[in-house]
């Protein structure tokens, strides 16, 4: 007879390590403007998938792309300004 053994103890033993650390949450908060800009860009790209983009769609796409670039520039400048930050 084969016994079925659960691995619940092995799975829940690492439950404390599955939560993000304070440093990871801070990094997410710091990058949230870029994340939101990228989500907006993705929304515009999804909108234009099922139809031929018109002038308004092209304008929305260009503006969303510019917001992503601006958010990336701000993050890069903040990292460069912080001593020991990633360059």
N, C-alpha and C. Protein backbone atom coordinates (compact mmCIF):
# COMPACT_ATOMS: atom_id res chain seq x y z
N UNK A 1 0.84 -1.17 0.00
CA UNK A 1 0.00 0.00 0.00
C UNK A 1 0.89 1.24 0.00
N UNK A 2 0.61 2.17 -0.89
CA UNK A 2 1.37 3.42 -0.97
C UNK A 2 0.69 4.47 -0.11
N UNK A 3 1.49 5.17 0.66
CA UNK A 3 0.96 6.23 1.51
C UNK A 3 1.13 7.56 0.81
N UNK A 4 0.12 8.36 0.85
CA UNK A 4 0.17 9.70 0.28
C UNK A 4 0.64 10.65 1.37
N UNK A 5 1.70 11.35 1.08
CA UNK A 5 2.28 12.26 2.06
C UNK A 5 2.11 13.69 1.54
N UNK A 6 1.64 14.55 2.37
CA UNK A 6 1.50 15.95 1.97
C UNK A 6 2.79 16.69 2.19
N UNK A 7 2.98 17.70 1.41
CA UNK A 7 4.19 18.52 1.56
C UNK A 7 3.84 19.89 2.12
N UNK A 8 2.71 19.95 2.82
CA UNK A 8 2.26 21.22 3.38
C UNK A 8 3.30 21.83 4.32
N UNK A 9 3.92 21.01 5.16
CA UNK A 9 4.92 21.53 6.09
C UNK A 9 6.10 22.13 5.34
N UNK A 10 6.50 21.49 4.26
CA UNK A 10 7.62 22.01 3.49
C UNK A 10 7.25 23.31 2.79
N UNK A 11 6.02 23.43 2.34
CA UNK A 11 5.58 24.65 1.66
C UNK A 11 5.43 25.80 2.64
N UNK A 12 4.79 25.54 3.78
CA UNK A 12 4.54 26.62 4.73
C UNK A 12 5.75 26.95 5.59
N UNK A 13 6.78 26.14 5.53
CA UNK A 13 7.98 26.44 6.31
C UNK A 13 8.65 27.71 5.81
N UNK A 14 8.46 28.03 4.54
CA UNK A 14 9.09 29.21 3.95
C UNK A 14 8.10 30.36 3.77
N UNK A 15 6.98 30.30 4.45
CA UNK A 15 5.95 31.33 4.28
C UNK A 15 6.46 32.70 4.71
N UNK A 16 7.33 32.77 5.70
CA UNK A 16 7.84 34.07 6.15
C UNK A 16 8.72 34.72 5.09
N UNK A 17 9.30 33.93 4.22
CA UNK A 17 10.21 34.46 3.22
C UNK A 17 9.51 34.85 1.93
N UNK A 18 8.22 34.61 1.82
CA UNK A 18 7.51 34.94 0.60
C UNK A 18 7.05 36.39 0.56
N UNK A 19 7.01 37.05 1.66
CA UNK A 19 6.60 38.45 1.71
C UNK A 19 7.76 39.35 1.29
N UNK A 20 7.47 40.45 0.60
CA UNK A 20 8.55 41.36 0.21
C UNK A 20 9.12 42.07 1.44
N UNK A 21 10.40 42.34 1.38
CA UNK A 21 11.06 43.04 2.48
C UNK A 21 10.73 44.53 2.41
N UNK A 22 11.09 45.25 3.44
CA UNK A 22 10.86 46.70 3.45
C UNK A 22 11.64 47.37 2.34
N UNK A 23 12.86 46.91 2.07
CA UNK A 23 13.67 47.50 1.00
C UNK A 23 13.02 47.25 -0.37
N UNK A 24 12.45 46.07 -0.56
CA UNK A 24 11.79 45.78 -1.83
C UNK A 24 10.53 46.63 -2.01
N UNK A 25 9.78 46.82 -0.93
CA UNK A 25 8.60 47.67 -1.00
C UNK A 25 8.97 49.12 -1.27
N UNK A 26 10.06 49.58 -0.68
CA UNK A 26 10.53 50.94 -0.92
C UNK A 26 10.96 51.11 -2.37
N UNK A 27 11.63 50.11 -2.93
CA UNK A 27 12.06 50.17 -4.33
C UNK A 27 10.85 50.22 -5.26
N UNK A 28 9.82 49.45 -4.94
CA UNK A 28 8.60 49.46 -5.75
C UNK A 28 7.95 50.83 -5.67
N UNK A 29 7.88 51.39 -4.47
CA UNK A 29 7.29 52.71 -4.29
C UNK A 29 8.09 53.77 -5.05
N UNK A 30 9.40 53.63 -5.04
CA UNK A 30 10.27 54.58 -5.73
C UNK A 30 10.07 54.50 -7.25
N UNK A 31 9.82 53.31 -7.77
CA UNK A 31 9.66 53.11 -9.21
C UNK A 31 8.21 53.17 -9.66
N UNK A 32 7.28 53.45 -8.77
CA UNK A 32 5.87 53.43 -9.12
C UNK A 32 5.49 54.43 -10.22
N UNK A 33 6.07 55.63 -10.31
CA UNK A 33 5.71 56.49 -11.45
C UNK A 33 6.07 55.86 -12.80
N UNK A 34 7.21 55.19 -12.86
CA UNK A 34 7.59 54.51 -14.10
C UNK A 34 6.65 53.34 -14.37
N UNK A 35 6.31 52.59 -13.35
CA UNK A 35 5.42 51.44 -13.52
C UNK A 35 4.06 51.91 -14.04
N UNK A 36 3.53 52.98 -13.46
CA UNK A 36 2.23 53.50 -13.90
C UNK A 36 2.30 54.04 -15.33
N UNK A 37 3.40 54.70 -15.69
CA UNK A 37 3.56 55.19 -17.05
C UNK A 37 3.64 54.04 -18.04
N UNK A 38 4.32 52.97 -17.67
CA UNK A 38 4.40 51.81 -18.55
C UNK A 38 3.05 51.12 -18.70
N UNK A 39 2.26 51.09 -17.64
CA UNK A 39 0.91 50.51 -17.72
C UNK A 39 0.04 51.35 -18.65
N UNK A 40 0.14 52.68 -18.55
CA UNK A 40 -0.61 53.56 -19.45
C UNK A 40 -0.21 53.33 -20.91
N UNK A 41 1.09 53.19 -21.16
CA UNK A 41 1.57 52.91 -22.51
C UNK A 41 1.02 51.59 -23.01
N UNK A 42 1.02 50.59 -22.17
CA UNK A 42 0.49 49.29 -22.55
C UNK A 42 -1.01 49.37 -22.86
N UNK A 43 -1.75 50.16 -22.08
CA UNK A 43 -3.17 50.35 -22.35
C UNK A 43 -3.40 50.96 -23.73
N UNK A 44 -2.60 51.95 -24.08
CA UNK A 44 -2.73 52.59 -25.40
C UNK A 44 -2.36 51.60 -26.50
N UNK A 45 -1.31 50.82 -26.29
CA UNK A 45 -0.91 49.85 -27.29
C UNK A 45 -2.00 48.79 -27.49
N UNK A 46 -2.61 48.34 -26.40
CA UNK A 46 -3.68 47.35 -26.49
C UNK A 46 -4.88 47.93 -27.23
N UNK A 47 -5.18 49.19 -26.98
CA UNK A 47 -6.30 49.84 -27.64
C UNK A 47 -6.12 49.86 -29.15
N UNK A 48 -4.91 50.05 -29.61
CA UNK A 48 -4.66 50.17 -31.05
C UNK A 48 -4.44 48.83 -31.73
N UNK A 49 -4.51 47.71 -31.00
CA UNK A 49 -4.26 46.41 -31.62
C UNK A 49 -5.37 45.98 -32.57
N UNK A 50 -6.61 46.25 -32.24
CA UNK A 50 -7.71 45.71 -33.02
C UNK A 50 -8.27 46.66 -34.07
N UNK A 51 -7.58 47.75 -34.33
CA UNK A 51 -8.05 48.67 -35.36
C UNK A 51 -6.86 49.42 -35.95
N UNK A 52 -7.10 50.08 -37.04
CA UNK A 52 -6.06 50.91 -37.65
C UNK A 52 -5.95 52.18 -36.83
N UNK A 53 -4.75 52.48 -36.31
CA UNK A 53 -4.61 53.67 -35.47
C UNK A 53 -4.88 54.95 -36.28
N UNK A 54 -5.69 55.82 -35.72
CA UNK A 54 -5.93 57.11 -36.35
C UNK A 54 -4.98 58.15 -35.74
N UNK A 55 -5.17 59.39 -36.10
CA UNK A 55 -4.27 60.44 -35.62
C UNK A 55 -4.35 60.60 -34.10
N UNK A 56 -5.53 60.45 -33.54
CA UNK A 56 -5.70 60.57 -32.08
C UNK A 56 -4.97 59.43 -31.37
N UNK A 57 -5.07 58.22 -31.92
CA UNK A 57 -4.36 57.08 -31.33
C UNK A 57 -2.86 57.28 -31.39
N UNK A 58 -2.38 57.78 -32.52
CA UNK A 58 -0.94 58.04 -32.66
C UNK A 58 -0.48 59.08 -31.66
N UNK A 59 -1.30 60.08 -31.43
CA UNK A 59 -0.96 61.12 -30.46
C UNK A 59 -0.93 60.56 -29.04
N UNK A 60 -1.93 59.74 -28.70
CA UNK A 60 -1.97 59.11 -27.37
C UNK A 60 -0.77 58.20 -27.16
N UNK A 61 -0.41 57.44 -28.21
CA UNK A 61 0.73 56.55 -28.13
C UNK A 61 2.03 57.33 -27.93
N UNK A 62 2.18 58.40 -28.68
CA UNK A 62 3.38 59.23 -28.57
C UNK A 62 3.49 59.88 -27.18
N UNK A 63 2.37 60.37 -26.66
CA UNK A 63 2.38 61.00 -25.34
C UNK A 63 2.67 59.98 -24.24
N UNK A 64 2.09 58.79 -24.34
CA UNK A 64 2.35 57.75 -23.34
C UNK A 64 3.81 57.33 -23.39
N UNK A 65 4.36 57.21 -24.59
CA UNK A 65 5.78 56.84 -24.72
C UNK A 65 6.67 57.92 -24.13
N UNK A 66 6.32 59.17 -24.35
CA UNK A 66 7.10 60.28 -23.78
C UNK A 66 7.03 60.29 -22.25
N UNK A 67 5.87 59.92 -21.69
CA UNK A 67 5.75 59.85 -20.22
C UNK A 67 6.65 58.74 -19.66
N UNK A 68 6.74 57.62 -20.37
CA UNK A 68 7.63 56.54 -19.93
C UNK A 68 9.08 57.01 -19.97
N UNK A 69 9.47 57.67 -21.05
CA UNK A 69 10.84 58.16 -21.16
C UNK A 69 11.15 59.19 -20.08
N UNK A 70 10.19 60.06 -19.78
CA UNK A 70 10.40 61.07 -18.74
C UNK A 70 10.55 60.41 -17.37
N UNK A 71 9.74 59.41 -17.09
CA UNK A 71 9.84 58.71 -15.80
C UNK A 71 11.17 57.98 -15.68
N UNK A 72 11.62 57.37 -16.78
CA UNK A 72 12.92 56.71 -16.76
C UNK A 72 14.06 57.71 -16.54
N UNK A 73 13.93 58.87 -17.16
CA UNK A 73 14.96 59.91 -16.99
C UNK A 73 15.03 60.37 -15.54
N UNK A 74 13.87 60.57 -14.92
CA UNK A 74 13.83 61.00 -13.52
C UNK A 74 14.49 59.95 -12.63
N UNK A 75 14.17 58.68 -12.85
CA UNK A 75 14.78 57.62 -12.04
C UNK A 75 16.28 57.55 -12.25
N UNK A 76 16.72 57.70 -13.49
CA UNK A 76 18.16 57.64 -13.77
C UNK A 76 18.88 58.82 -13.13
N UNK A 77 18.27 59.99 -13.17
CA UNK A 77 18.90 61.16 -12.56
C UNK A 77 18.93 61.04 -11.03
N UNK A 78 17.90 60.45 -10.45
CA UNK A 78 17.90 60.26 -9.00
C UNK A 78 18.95 59.25 -8.59
N UNK A 79 19.12 58.21 -9.37
CA UNK A 79 20.13 57.19 -9.05
C UNK A 79 21.53 57.77 -9.20
N UNK A 80 21.74 58.64 -10.18
CA UNK A 80 23.04 59.26 -10.38
C UNK A 80 23.35 60.29 -9.30
N UNK A 81 22.32 60.92 -8.75
CA UNK A 81 22.53 61.95 -7.73
C UNK A 81 22.82 61.36 -6.37
N UNK A 82 22.38 60.13 -6.14
CA UNK A 82 22.59 59.49 -4.84
C UNK A 82 24.01 58.91 -4.80
N UNK A 83 24.80 59.26 -3.79
CA UNK A 83 26.14 58.69 -3.69
C UNK A 83 26.06 57.17 -3.55
N UNK A 84 26.77 56.49 -4.41
CA UNK A 84 26.77 55.03 -4.39
C UNK A 84 25.60 54.44 -5.15
N UNK A 85 24.79 55.30 -5.80
CA UNK A 85 23.66 54.81 -6.56
C UNK A 85 24.10 54.19 -7.87
N UNK A 86 23.21 53.45 -8.46
CA UNK A 86 23.53 52.81 -9.74
C UNK A 86 23.61 53.87 -10.83
N UNK A 87 24.65 53.80 -11.61
CA UNK A 87 24.83 54.79 -12.67
C UNK A 87 24.37 54.27 -13.98
